[in-house]
Each structure stands twice: as C-alpha cells, then as structure tokens.
Amino acid sequence: MYYFALVSCTVKTWGGEYTVGLQHLKSYNYVPAECEQMRVICERINRVYSSGLEESVQKFLESLGKLKRAYLTDLEEKVLSVLELEIKV
C-alpha cells in the first residue's frame, strides 16, 4: 500500500491563485459542515465581487472573506443578500 502526503495546495485569493506548502497554512480546525459553509460564503462573495464596485462595497466583501468563523451574522447575511439582489447574480 502506498500513502501520499499532500504537501501543497492551490489557494484562491483576491490577488489570484497561488500554490503554497501546507506548512504555511493555518488550520481553523473546522468540521466538514463548517468547511461547506465557508465554501458557500466564499462562492457568494466571489459572485458579487468585482473591481467595478464602489470601494466601500469591495472592502465590505473583502472583510467577509477574511472572517475566521464559518457563518455570517444576521446583519452580514442581510447586507450580502441585498448586494446579490442589486448586482443580480
């Protein structure tokens, strides 16, 4: 039997995609359900984010992308939903 250790992965950031070694990543020890929640949040943010948005809106979306928790507060959820409606994603 052969075991292969994952030593790097591709990370998508605001500035592009990068391949980084796992030793350079910090784990937040999310359970699988939290990982899925984070994936959904990131997809929603990426659908509405663009360089053509007002700077304050870009900064809000970027701040959501930097959260260390796997959920949005009620107010964050409402603001993101309004942006999704306004931007028609």
PDB file of N, CA and C in Angstrom:
ATOM      1  N   MET A   1       0.833  -1.158   0.000  1.00  0.00           N
ATOM      2  CA  MET A   1       0.000   0.000   0.000  1.00  0.00           C
ATOM      3  C   MET A   1       0.895   1.244   0.000  1.00  0.00           C
ATOM      4  N   TYR A   2       0.496   2.252  -0.788  1.00  0.00           N
ATOM      5  CA  TYR A   2       1.259   3.487  -0.853  1.00  0.00           C
ATOM      6  C   TYR A   2       0.432   4.628  -0.274  1.00  0.00           C
ATOM      7  N   TYR A   3       1.083   5.478   0.480  1.00  0.00           N
ATOM      8  CA  TYR A   3       0.437   6.662   1.023  1.00  0.00           C
ATOM      9  C   TYR A   3       1.162   7.883   0.492  1.00  0.00           C
ATOM     10  N   PHE A   4       0.415   8.829   0.010  1.00  0.00           N
ATOM     11  CA  PHE A   4       0.997  10.062  -0.496  1.00  0.00           C
ATOM     12  C   PHE A   4       0.578  11.211   0.413  1.00  0.00           C
ATOM     13  N   ALA A   5       1.533  11.954   0.869  1.00  0.00           N
ATOM     14  CA  ALA A   5       1.237  13.101   1.724  1.00  0.00           C
ATOM     15  C   ALA A   5       0.990  14.318   0.849  1.00  0.00           C
ATOM     16  N   LEU A   6      -0.061  15.034   1.152  1.00  0.00           N
ATOM     17  CA  LEU A   6      -0.359  16.276   0.458  1.00  0.00           C
ATOM     18  C   LEU A   6       0.595  17.328   1.015  1.00  0.00           C
ATOM     19  N   VAL A   7       1.439  17.888   0.164  1.00  0.00           N
ATOM     20  CA  VAL A   7       2.435  18.841   0.641  1.00  0.00           C
ATOM     21  C   VAL A   7       2.158  20.264   0.188  1.00  0.00           C
ATOM     22  N   SER A   8       1.242  20.438  -0.757  1.00  0.00           N
ATOM     23  CA  SER A   8       0.900  21.783  -1.196  1.00  0.00           C
ATOM     24  C   SER A   8      -0.541  21.796  -1.696  1.00  0.00           C
ATOM     25  N   CYS A   9      -1.069  22.993  -1.818  1.00  0.00           N
ATOM     26  CA  CYS A   9      -2.408  23.135  -2.363  1.00  0.00           C
ATOM     27  C   CYS A   9      -2.506  24.486  -3.049  1.00  0.00           C
ATOM     28  N   THR A  10      -3.546  24.658  -3.848  1.00  0.00           N
ATOM     29  CA  THR A  10      -3.782  25.920  -4.532  1.00  0.00           C
ATOM     30  C   THR A  10      -4.766  26.732  -3.707  1.00  0.00           C
ATOM     31  N   VAL A  11      -4.381  27.969  -3.431  1.00  0.00           N
ATOM     32  CA  VAL A  11      -5.197  28.865  -2.627  1.00  0.00           C
ATOM     33  C   VAL A  11      -5.662  30.009  -3.511  1.00  0.00           C
ATOM     34  N   LYS A  12      -6.977  30.246  -3.519  1.00  0.00           N
ATOM     35  CA  LYS A  12      -7.546  31.336  -4.298  1.00  0.00           C
ATOM     36  C   LYS A  12      -7.670  32.548  -3.387  1.00  0.00           C
ATOM     37  N   THR A  13      -7.085  33.673  -3.792  1.00  0.00           N
ATOM     38  CA  THR A  13      -7.143  34.899  -3.003  1.00  0.00           C
ATOM     39  C   THR A  13      -7.676  36.020  -3.872  1.00  0.00           C
ATOM     40  N   TRP A  14      -7.832  37.210  -3.269  1.00  0.00           N
ATOM     41  CA  TRP A  14      -8.288  38.370  -4.041  1.00  0.00           C
ATOM     42  C   TRP A  14      -7.293  38.680  -5.151  1.00  0.00           C
ATOM     43  N   GLY A  15      -6.014  38.380  -4.933  1.00  0.00           N
ATOM     44  CA  GLY A  15      -4.982  38.728  -5.901  1.00  0.00           C
ATOM     45  C   GLY A  15      -4.656  37.648  -6.916  1.00  0.00           C
ATOM     46  N   GLY A  16      -5.325  36.516  -6.858  1.00  0.00           N
ATOM     47  CA  GLY A  16      -5.063  35.430  -7.795  1.00  0.00           C
ATOM     48  C   GLY A  16      -5.013  34.089  -7.089  1.00  0.00           C
ATOM     49  N   GLU A  17      -4.485  33.104  -7.804  1.00  0.00           N
ATOM     50  CA  GLU A  17      -4.341  31.766  -7.235  1.00  0.00           C
ATOM     51  C   GLU A  17      -2.870  31.465  -7.029  1.00  0.00           C
ATOM     52  N   TYR A  18      -2.566  30.843  -5.891  1.00  0.00           N
ATOM     53  CA  TYR A  18      -1.186  30.552  -5.540  1.00  0.00           C
ATOM     54  C   TYR A  18      -1.076  29.124  -5.038  1.00  0.00           C
ATOM     55  N   THR A  19       0.031  28.472  -5.338  1.00  0.00           N
ATOM     56  CA  THR A  19       0.317  27.161  -4.786  1.00  0.00           C
ATOM     57  C   THR A  19       1.225  27.371  -3.586  1.00  0.00           C
ATOM     58  N   VAL A  20       0.788  26.874  -2.441  1.00  0.00           N
ATOM     59  CA  VAL A  20       1.544  27.070  -1.203  1.00  0.00           C
ATOM     60  C   VAL A  20       1.717  25.738  -0.488  1.00  0.00           C
ATOM     61  N   GLY A  21       2.774  25.650   0.270  1.00  0.00           N
ATOM     62  CA  GLY A  21       3.015  24.469   1.083  1.00  0.00           C
ATOM     63  C   GLY A  21       2.084  24.450   2.278  1.00  0.00           C
ATOM     64  N   LEU A  22       1.654  23.276   2.670  1.00  0.00           N
ATOM     65  CA  LEU A  22       0.722  23.159   3.788  1.00  0.00           C
ATOM     66  C   LEU A  22       1.308  23.712   5.083  1.00  0.00           C
ATOM     67  N   GLN A  23       2.636  23.694   5.207  1.00  0.00           N
ATOM     68  CA  GLN A  23       3.253  24.205   6.427  1.00  0.00           C
ATOM     69  C   GLN A  23       3.053  25.713   6.576  1.00  0.00           C
ATOM     70  N   HIS A  24       2.647  26.394   5.495  1.00  0.00           N
ATOM     71  CA  HIS A  24       2.433  27.842   5.536  1.00  0.00           C
ATOM     72  C   HIS A  24       0.965  28.211   5.767  1.00  0.00           C
ATOM     73  N   LEU A  25       0.114  27.216   5.910  1.00  0.00           N
ATOM     74  CA  LEU A  25      -1.308  27.473   6.118  1.00  0.00           C
ATOM     75  C   LEU A  25      -1.676  27.250   7.575  1.00  0.00           C
ATOM     76  N   LYS A  26      -2.609  28.046   8.065  1.00  0.00           N
ATOM     77  CA  LYS A  26      -3.092  27.900   9.429  1.00  0.00           C
ATOM     78  C   LYS A  26      -4.422  27.155   9.398  1.00  0.00           C
ATOM     79  N   SER A  27      -4.562  26.178  10.250  1.00  0.00           N
ATOM     80  CA  SER A  27      -5.807  25.423  10.326  1.00  0.00           C
ATOM     81  C   SER A  27      -6.735  26.068  11.344  1.00  0.00           C
ATOM     82  N   TYR A  28      -8.008  26.172  10.978  1.00  0.00           N
ATOM     83  CA  TYR A  28      -9.014  26.639  11.920  1.00  0.00           C
ATOM     84  C   TYR A  28      -9.793  25.457  12.493  1.00  0.00           C
ATOM     85  N   ASN A  29      -9.383  24.250  12.151  1.00  0.00           N
ATOM     86  CA  ASN A  29      -9.976  23.020  12.675  1.00  0.00           C
ATOM     87  C   ASN A  29     -11.491  22.972  12.493  1.00  0.00           C
ATOM     88  N   TYR A  30     -11.941  23.360  11.316  1.00  0.00           N
ATOM     89  CA  TYR A  30     -13.366  23.296  11.001  1.00  0.00           C
ATOM     90  C   TYR A  30     -13.789  21.844  10.813  1.00  0.00           C
ATOM     91  N   VAL A  31     -14.998  21.544  11.240  1.00  0.00           N
ATOM     92  CA  VAL A  31     -15.584  20.244  10.943  1.00  0.00           C
ATOM     93  C   VAL A  31     -16.092  20.309   9.503  1.00  0.00           C
ATOM     94  N   PRO A  32     -16.379  19.182   8.862  1.00  0.00           N
ATOM     95  CA  PRO A  32     -16.811  19.203   7.460  1.00  0.00           C
ATOM     96  C   PRO A  32     -17.989  20.145   7.171  1.00  0.00           C
ATOM     97  N   ALA A  33     -18.965  20.207   8.059  1.00  0.00           N
ATOM     98  CA  ALA A  33     -20.115  21.093   7.826  1.00  0.00           C
ATOM     99  C   ALA A  33     -19.681  22.560   7.797  1.00  0.00           C
ATOM    100  N   GLU A  34     -18.731  22.933   8.646  1.00  0.00           N
ATOM    101  CA  GLU A  34     -18.230  24.307   8.659  1.00  0.00           C
ATOM    102  C   GLU A  34     -17.428  24.603   7.398  1.00  0.00           C
ATOM    103  N   CYS A  35     -16.681  23.623   6.918  1.00  0.00           N
ATOM    104  CA  CYS A  35     -15.948  23.789   5.656  1.00  0.00           C
ATOM    105  C   CYS A  35     -16.921  24.072   4.515  1.00  0.00           C
ATOM    106  N   GLU A  36     -18.023  23.346   4.494  1.00  0.00           N
ATOM    107  CA  GLU A  36     -19.030  23.550   3.452  1.00  0.00           C
ATOM    108  C   GLU A  36     -19.655  24.939   3.577  1.00  0.00           C
ATOM    109  N   GLN A  37     -19.935  25.383   4.797  1.00  0.00           N
ATOM    110  CA  GLN A  37     -20.476  26.722   4.997  1.00  0.00           C
ATOM    111  C   GLN A  37     -19.498  27.779   4.486  1.00  0.00           C
ATOM    112  N   MET A  38     -18.225  27.609   4.765  1.00  0.00           N
ATOM    113  CA  MET A  38     -17.210  28.561   4.300  1.00  0.00           C
ATOM    114  C   MET A  38     -17.143  28.572   2.776  1.00  0.00           C
ATOM    115  N   ARG A  39     -17.256  27.405   2.161  1.00  0.00           N
ATOM    116  CA  ARG A  39     -17.228  27.328   0.702  1.00  0.00           C
ATOM    117  C   ARG A  39     -18.392  28.103   0.111  1.00  0.00           C
ATOM    118  N   VAL A  40     -19.579  27.937   0.677  1.00  0.00           N
ATOM    119  CA  VAL A  40     -20.768  28.629   0.179  1.00  0.00           C
ATOM    120  C   VAL A  40     -20.614  30.142   0.343  1.00  0.00           C
ATOM    121  N   ILE A  41     -20.160  30.567   1.506  1.00  0.00           N
ATOM    122  CA  ILE A  41     -19.954  32.006   1.735  1.00  0.00           C
ATOM    123  C   ILE A  41     -18.967  32.570   0.722  1.00  0.00           C
ATOM    124  N   CYS A  42     -17.859  31.884   0.513  1.00  0.00           N
ATOM    125  CA  CYS A  42     -16.839  32.357  -0.438  1.00  0.00           C
ATOM    126  C   CYS A  42     -17.388  32.424  -1.860  1.00  0.00           C
ATOM    127  N   GLU A  43     -18.169  31.437  -2.256  1.00  0.00           N
ATOM    128  CA  GLU A  43     -18.764  31.456  -3.596  1.00  0.00           C
ATOM    129  C   GLU A  43     -19.706  32.649  -3.762  1.00  0.00           C
ATOM    130  N   ARG A  44     -20.508  32.922  -2.735  1.00  0.00           N
ATOM    131  CA  ARG A  44     -21.433  34.064  -2.797  1.00  0.00           C
ATOM    132  C   ARG A  44     -20.657  35.373  -2.927  1.00  0.00           C
ATOM    133  N   ILE A  45     -19.618  35.512  -2.139  1.00  0.00           N
ATOM    134  CA  ILE A  45     -18.800  36.733  -2.197  1.00  0.00           C
ATOM    135  C   ILE A  45     -18.173  36.878  -3.575  1.00  0.00           C
ATOM    136  N   ASN A  46     -17.619  35.812  -4.106  1.00  0.00           N
ATOM    137  CA  ASN A  46     -16.955  35.860  -5.416  1.00  0.00           C
ATOM    138  C   ASN A  46     -17.920  36.180  -6.545  1.00  0.00           C
ATOM    139  N   ARG A  47     -19.178  35.768  -6.424  1.00  0.00           N
ATOM    140  CA  ARG A  47     -20.156  36.065  -7.470  1.00  0.00           C
ATOM    141  C   ARG A  47     -20.465  37.547  -7.565  1.00  0.00           C
ATOM    142  N   VAL A  48     -20.446  38.271  -6.448  1.00  0.00           N
ATOM    143  CA  VAL A  48     -20.796  39.693  -6.486  1.00  0.00           C
ATOM    144  C   VAL A  48     -19.587  40.613  -6.543  1.00  0.00           C
ATOM    145  N   TYR A  49     -18.419  40.132  -6.163  1.00  0.00           N
ATOM    146  CA  TYR A  49     -17.228  40.990  -6.100  1.00  0.00           C
ATOM    147  C   TYR A  49     -16.710  41.313  -7.494  1.00  0.00           C
ATOM    148  N   SER A  50     -16.409  42.578  -7.711  1.00  0.00           N
ATOM    149  CA  SER A  50     -15.734  42.982  -8.948  1.00  0.00           C
ATOM    150  C   SER A  50     -15.009  44.293  -8.700  1.00  0.00           C
ATOM    151  N   SER A  51     -14.035  44.574  -9.536  1.00  0.00           N
ATOM    152  CA  SER A  51     -13.263  45.802  -9.387  1.00  0.00           C
ATOM    153  C   SER A  51     -14.095  47.034  -9.739  1.00  0.00           C
ATOM    154  N   GLY A  52     -15.261  46.834 -10.362  1.00  0.00           N
ATOM    155  CA  GLY A  52     -16.118  47.944 -10.727  1.00  0.00           C
ATOM    156  C   GLY A  52     -17.032  48.416  -9.602  1.00  0.00           C
ATOM    157  N   LEU A  53     -17.027  47.712  -8.486  1.00  0.00           N
ATOM    158  CA  LEU A  53     -17.869  48.102  -7.355  1.00  0.00           C
ATOM    159  C   LEU A  53     -17.273  49.298  -6.627  1.00  0.00           C
ATOM    160  N   GLU A  54     -18.121  49.997  -5.900  1.00  0.00           N
ATOM    161  CA  GLU A  54     -17.639  51.090  -5.073  1.00  0.00           C
ATOM    162  C   GLU A  54     -16.643  50.541  -4.055  1.00  0.00           C
ATOM    163  N   GLU A  55     -15.671  51.361  -3.703  1.00  0.00           N
ATOM    164  CA  GLU A  55     -14.606  50.918  -2.805  1.00  0.00           C
ATOM    165  C   GLU A  55     -15.148  50.407  -1.473  1.00  0.00           C
ATOM    166  N   SER A  56     -16.144  51.084  -0.917  1.00  0.00           N
ATOM    167  CA  SER A  56     -16.695  50.652   0.377  1.00  0.00           C
ATOM    168  C   SER A  56     -17.330  49.266   0.274  1.00  0.00           C
ATOM    169  N   VAL A  57     -17.979  48.977  -0.852  1.00  0.00           N
ATOM    170  CA  VAL A  57     -18.602  47.667  -1.054  1.00  0.00           C
ATOM    171  C   VAL A  57     -17.519  46.602  -1.210  1.00  0.00           C
ATOM    172  N   GLN A  58     -16.476  46.921  -1.973  1.00  0.00           N
ATOM    173  CA  GLN A  58     -15.356  45.987  -2.111  1.00  0.00           C
ATOM    174  C   GLN A  58     -14.764  45.662  -0.744  1.00  0.00           C
ATOM    175  N   LYS A  59     -14.543  46.673   0.068  1.00  0.00           N
ATOM    176  CA  LYS A  59     -13.937  46.468   1.393  1.00  0.00           C
ATOM    177  C   LYS A  59     -14.847  45.619   2.286  1.00  0.00           C
ATOM    178  N   PHE A  60     -16.166  45.846   2.194  1.00  0.00           N
ATOM    179  CA  PHE A  60     -17.094  45.029   2.975  1.00  0.00           C
ATOM    180  C   PHE A  60     -16.979  43.564   2.563  1.00  0.00           C
ATOM    181  N   LEU A  61     -17.005  43.305   1.260  1.00  0.00           N
ATOM    182  CA  LEU A  61     -16.914  41.920   0.779  1.00  0.00           C
ATOM    183  C   LEU A  61     -15.576  41.302   1.159  1.00  0.00           C
ATOM    184  N   GLU A  62     -14.504  42.069   1.047  1.00  0.00           N
ATOM    185  CA  GLU A  62     -13.183  41.563   1.440  1.00  0.00           C
ATOM    186  C   GLU A  62     -13.155  41.224   2.924  1.00  0.00           C
ATOM    187  N   SER A  63     -13.806  42.052   3.749  1.00  0.00           N
ATOM    188  CA  SER A  63     -13.824  41.769   5.191  1.00  0.00           C
ATOM    189  C   SER A  63     -14.592  40.479   5.484  1.00  0.00           C
ATOM    190  N   LEU A  64     -15.666  40.228   4.735  1.00  0.00           N
ATOM    191  CA  LEU A  64     -16.386  38.958   4.905  1.00  0.00           C
ATOM    192  C   LEU A  64     -15.479  37.785   4.552  1.00  0.00           C
ATOM    193  N   GLY A  65     -14.664  37.961   3.517  1.00  0.00           N
ATOM    194  CA  GLY A  65     -13.765  36.897   3.092  1.00  0.00           C
ATOM    195  C   GLY A  65     -12.644  36.616   4.074  1.00  0.00           C
ATOM    196  N   LYS A  66     -12.416  37.522   5.010  1.00  0.00           N
ATOM    197  CA  LYS A  66     -11.345  37.349   5.996  1.00  0.00           C
ATOM    198  C   LYS A  66     -11.848  36.850   7.345  1.00  0.00           C
ATOM    199  N   LEU A  67     -13.142  36.612   7.461  1.00  0.00           N
ATOM    200  CA  LEU A  67     -13.691  36.144   8.732  1.00  0.00           C
ATOM    201  C   LEU A  67     -13.097  34.799   9.111  1.00  0.00           C
ATOM    202  N   LYS A  68     -12.898  34.593  10.388  1.00  0.00           N
ATOM    203  CA  LYS A  68     -12.340  33.335  10.879  1.00  0.00           C
ATOM    204  C   LYS A  68     -13.439  32.435  11.440  1.00  0.00           C
ATOM    205  N   ARG A  69     -14.687  32.776  11.143  1.00  0.00           N
ATOM    206  CA  ARG A  69     -15.813  31.948  11.587  1.00  0.00           C
ATOM    207  C   ARG A  69     -16.567  31.453  10.364  1.00  0.00           C
ATOM    208  N   ALA A  70     -17.251  30.345  10.531  1.00  0.00           N
ATOM    209  CA  ALA A  70     -17.885  29.669   9.395  1.00  0.00           C
ATOM    210  C   ALA A  70     -19.348  30.058   9.228  1.00  0.00           C
ATOM    211  N   TYR A  71     -19.697  31.276   9.609  1.00  0.00           N
ATOM    212  CA  TYR A  71     -21.079  31.730   9.447  1.00  0.00           C
ATOM    213  C   TYR A  71     -21.084  33.250   9.328  1.00  0.00           C
ATOM    214  N   LEU A  72     -22.196  33.780   8.841  1.00  0.00           N
ATOM    215  CA  LEU A  72     -22.400  35.216   8.792  1.00  0.00           C
ATOM    216  C   LEU A  72     -23.399  35.591   9.879  1.00  0.00           C
ATOM    217  N   THR A  73     -23.231  36.775  10.459  1.00  0.00           N
ATOM    218  CA  THR A  73     -24.234  37.251  11.406  1.00  0.00           C
ATOM    219  C   THR A  73     -25.497  37.583  10.613  1.00  0.00           C
ATOM    220  N   ASP A  74     -26.584  37.803  11.310  1.00  0.00           N
ATOM    221  CA  ASP A  74     -27.832  38.158  10.627  1.00  0.00           C
ATOM    222  C   ASP A  74     -27.651  39.413   9.779  1.00  0.00           C
ATOM    223  N   LEU A  75     -26.976  40.419  10.320  1.00  0.00           N
ATOM    224  CA  LEU A  75     -26.786  41.664   9.580  1.00  0.00           C
ATOM    225  C   LEU A  75     -25.871  41.461   8.368  1.00  0.00           C
ATOM    226  N   GLU A  76     -24.787  40.708   8.534  1.00  0.00           N
ATOM    227  CA  GLU A  76     -23.899  40.419   7.398  1.00  0.00           C
ATOM    228  C   GLU A  76     -24.655  39.679   6.306  1.00  0.00           C
ATOM    229  N   GLU A  77     -25.474  38.719   6.702  1.00  0.00           N
ATOM    230  CA  GLU A  77     -26.284  37.953   5.746  1.00  0.00           C
ATOM    231  C   GLU A  77     -27.239  38.870   4.993  1.00  0.00           C
ATOM    232  N   LYS A  78     -27.895  39.786   5.701  1.00  0.00           N
ATOM    233  CA  LYS A  78     -28.828  40.713   5.060  1.00  0.00           C
ATOM    234  C   LYS A  78     -28.117  41.620   4.060  1.00  0.00           C
ATOM    235  N   VAL A  79     -26.963  42.175   4.446  1.00  0.00           N
ATOM    236  CA  VAL A  79     -26.232  43.071   3.549  1.00  0.00           C
ATOM    237  C   VAL A  79     -25.750  42.318   2.319  1.00  0.00           C
ATOM    238  N   LEU A  80     -25.226  41.114   2.497  1.00  0.00           N
ATOM    239  CA  LEU A  80     -24.775  40.326   1.354  1.00  0.00           C
ATOM    240  C   LEU A  80     -25.953  39.981   0.447  1.00  0.00           C
ATOM    241  N   SER A  81     -27.105  39.652   1.023  1.00  0.00           N
ATOM    242  CA  SER A  81     -28.292  39.351   0.219  1.00  0.00           C
ATOM    243  C   SER A  81     -28.738  40.557  -0.596  1.00  0.00           C
ATOM    244  N   VAL A  82     -28.680  41.742   0.005  1.00  0.00           N
ATOM    245  CA  VAL A  82     -29.033  42.967  -0.730  1.00  0.00           C
ATOM    246  C   VAL A  82     -28.066  43.178  -1.887  1.00  0.00           C
ATOM    247  N   LEU A  83     -26.791  42.977  -1.649  1.00  0.00           N
ATOM    248  CA  LEU A  83     -25.800  43.119  -2.727  1.00  0.00           C
ATOM    249  C   LEU A  83     -26.064  42.122  -3.839  1.00  0.00           C
ATOM    250  N   GLU A  84     -26.403  40.891  -3.490  1.00  0.00           N
ATOM    251  CA  GLU A  84     -26.713  39.885  -4.504  1.00  0.00           C
ATOM    252  C   GLU A  84     -27.908  40.309  -5.346  1.00  0.00           C
ATOM    253  N   LEU A  85     -28.914  40.889  -4.711  1.00  0.00           N
ATOM    254  CA  LEU A  85     -30.095  41.370  -5.455  1.00  0.00           C
ATOM    255  C   LEU A  85     -29.742  42.556  -6.353  1.00  0.00           C
ATOM    256  N   GLU A  86     -28.973  43.482  -5.821  1.00  0.00           N
ATOM    257  CA  GLU A  86     -28.598  44.681  -6.565  1.00  0.00           C
ATOM    258  C   GLU A  86     -27.696  44.358  -7.753  1.00  0.00           C
ATOM    259  N   ILE A  87     -26.815  43.406  -7.564  1.00  0.00           N
ATOM    260  CA  ILE A  87     -25.846  43.070  -8.609  1.00  0.00           C
ATOM    261  C   ILE A  87     -26.414  41.999  -9.530  1.00  0.00           C
ATOM    262  N   LYS A  88     -27.538  41.397  -9.149  1.00  0.00           N
ATOM    263  CA  LYS A  88     -28.250  40.412  -9.986  1.00  0.00           C
ATOM    264  C   LYS A  88     -27.370  39.209 -10.316  1.00  0.00           C
ATOM    265  N   VAL A  89     -26.942  38.498  -9.288  1.00  0.00           N
ATOM    266  CA  VAL A  89     -26.125  37.289  -9.517  1.00  0.00           C
ATOM    267  C   VAL A  89     -27.010  36.096  -9.722  1.00  0.00           C
TER     268      VAL A  89
END
